[in-house]
Amino acid sequence: MAEIEAVLSDNRTRVIGDPYEGETRFRATGRNGEGRGVFVVFTPRYVDGEIHLRPISACYIHREQS
């Protein structure tokens, strides 16, 4: 979970909308604390007037090998 927090709190992380129709979701690509690329899908949740980000999926980004 700390890796996801590192990615989502980094101002260099790129966030775009996700086309999922069931709820509002976003896709993010960034780097964890060690500099490794991470892809995260998350949704905002509102709890007691505060926004919480709930991760749906997260994985490392691997260099494509041919």
Protein backbone atom coordinates (compact mmCIF):
# COMPACT_ATOMS: atom_id res chain seq x y z
CA MET A 1 0.00 0.00 0.00
CA ALA A 2 2.91 2.37 0.64
CA GLU A 3 3.97 2.03 -2.99
CA ILE A 4 0.53 3.08 -4.20
CA GLU A 5 0.56 6.07 -1.83
CA ALA A 6 4.02 7.07 -3.12
CA VAL A 7 2.80 6.97 -6.72
CA LEU A 8 -0.43 8.89 -6.06
CA SER A 9 1.28 11.56 -3.94
CA ASP A 10 4.05 12.27 -6.50
CA ASN A 11 3.33 15.40 -8.55
CA ARG A 12 5.02 13.80 -11.60
CA THR A 13 2.43 11.01 -11.73
CA ARG A 14 0.15 11.12 -14.77
CA VAL A 15 -3.54 10.54 -14.12
CA ILE A 16 -6.24 10.03 -16.75
CA GLY A 17 -9.87 8.96 -16.65
CA ASP A 18 -10.79 5.30 -16.98
CA PRO A 19 -13.65 4.32 -19.34
CA TYR A 20 -15.25 1.93 -16.81
CA GLU A 21 -18.99 2.62 -16.74
CA GLY A 22 -19.92 1.29 -13.29
CA GLU A 23 -18.20 4.02 -11.22
CA THR A 24 -15.75 6.90 -11.59
CA ARG A 25 -12.25 5.47 -11.98
CA PHE A 26 -8.84 6.83 -12.85
CA ARG A 27 -5.60 5.36 -14.20
CA ALA A 28 -2.25 6.57 -12.93
CA THR A 29 1.32 5.87 -14.00
CA GLY A 30 4.22 6.95 -11.86
CA ARG A 31 7.16 5.77 -9.82
CA ASN A 32 7.37 4.32 -6.33
CA GLY A 33 9.93 5.39 -3.72
CA GLU A 34 12.62 3.23 -5.33
CA GLY A 35 11.97 4.68 -8.80
CA ARG A 36 10.22 1.61 -10.22
CA GLY A 37 7.32 2.27 -12.62
CA VAL A 38 3.86 1.48 -11.26
CA PHE A 39 0.41 1.46 -12.95
CA VAL A 40 -2.57 2.04 -10.63
CA VAL A 41 -6.34 2.07 -11.20
CA PHE A 42 -8.27 3.75 -8.39
CA THR A 43 -11.63 5.29 -7.50
CA PRO A 44 -12.41 8.21 -5.18
CA ARG A 45 -14.66 7.46 -2.21
CA TYR A 46 -16.27 10.08 -0.01
CA VAL A 47 -16.26 9.21 3.70
CA ASP A 48 -17.44 11.69 6.35
CA GLY A 49 -16.84 14.61 3.97
CA GLU A 50 -13.30 13.51 3.06
CA ILE A 51 -12.06 12.03 -0.20
CA HIS A 52 -10.32 8.66 0.10
CA LEU A 53 -8.69 6.94 -2.86
CA ARG A 54 -9.47 3.22 -3.10
CA PRO A 55 -7.01 1.25 -5.23
CA ILE A 56 -8.64 -1.24 -7.56
CA SER A 57 -5.55 -2.61 -9.28
CA ALA A 58 -1.81 -1.97 -9.19
CA CYS A 59 1.12 -3.55 -11.02
CA TYR A 60 4.70 -2.82 -11.92
CA ILE A 61 5.47 -1.49 -15.37
CA HIS A 62 7.89 -3.75 -17.22
CA ARG A 63 10.00 -2.83 -20.20
CA GLU A 64 8.73 -4.62 -23.29
CA GLN A 65 11.26 -7.13 -24.57
CA SER A 66 11.37 -8.25 -28.17
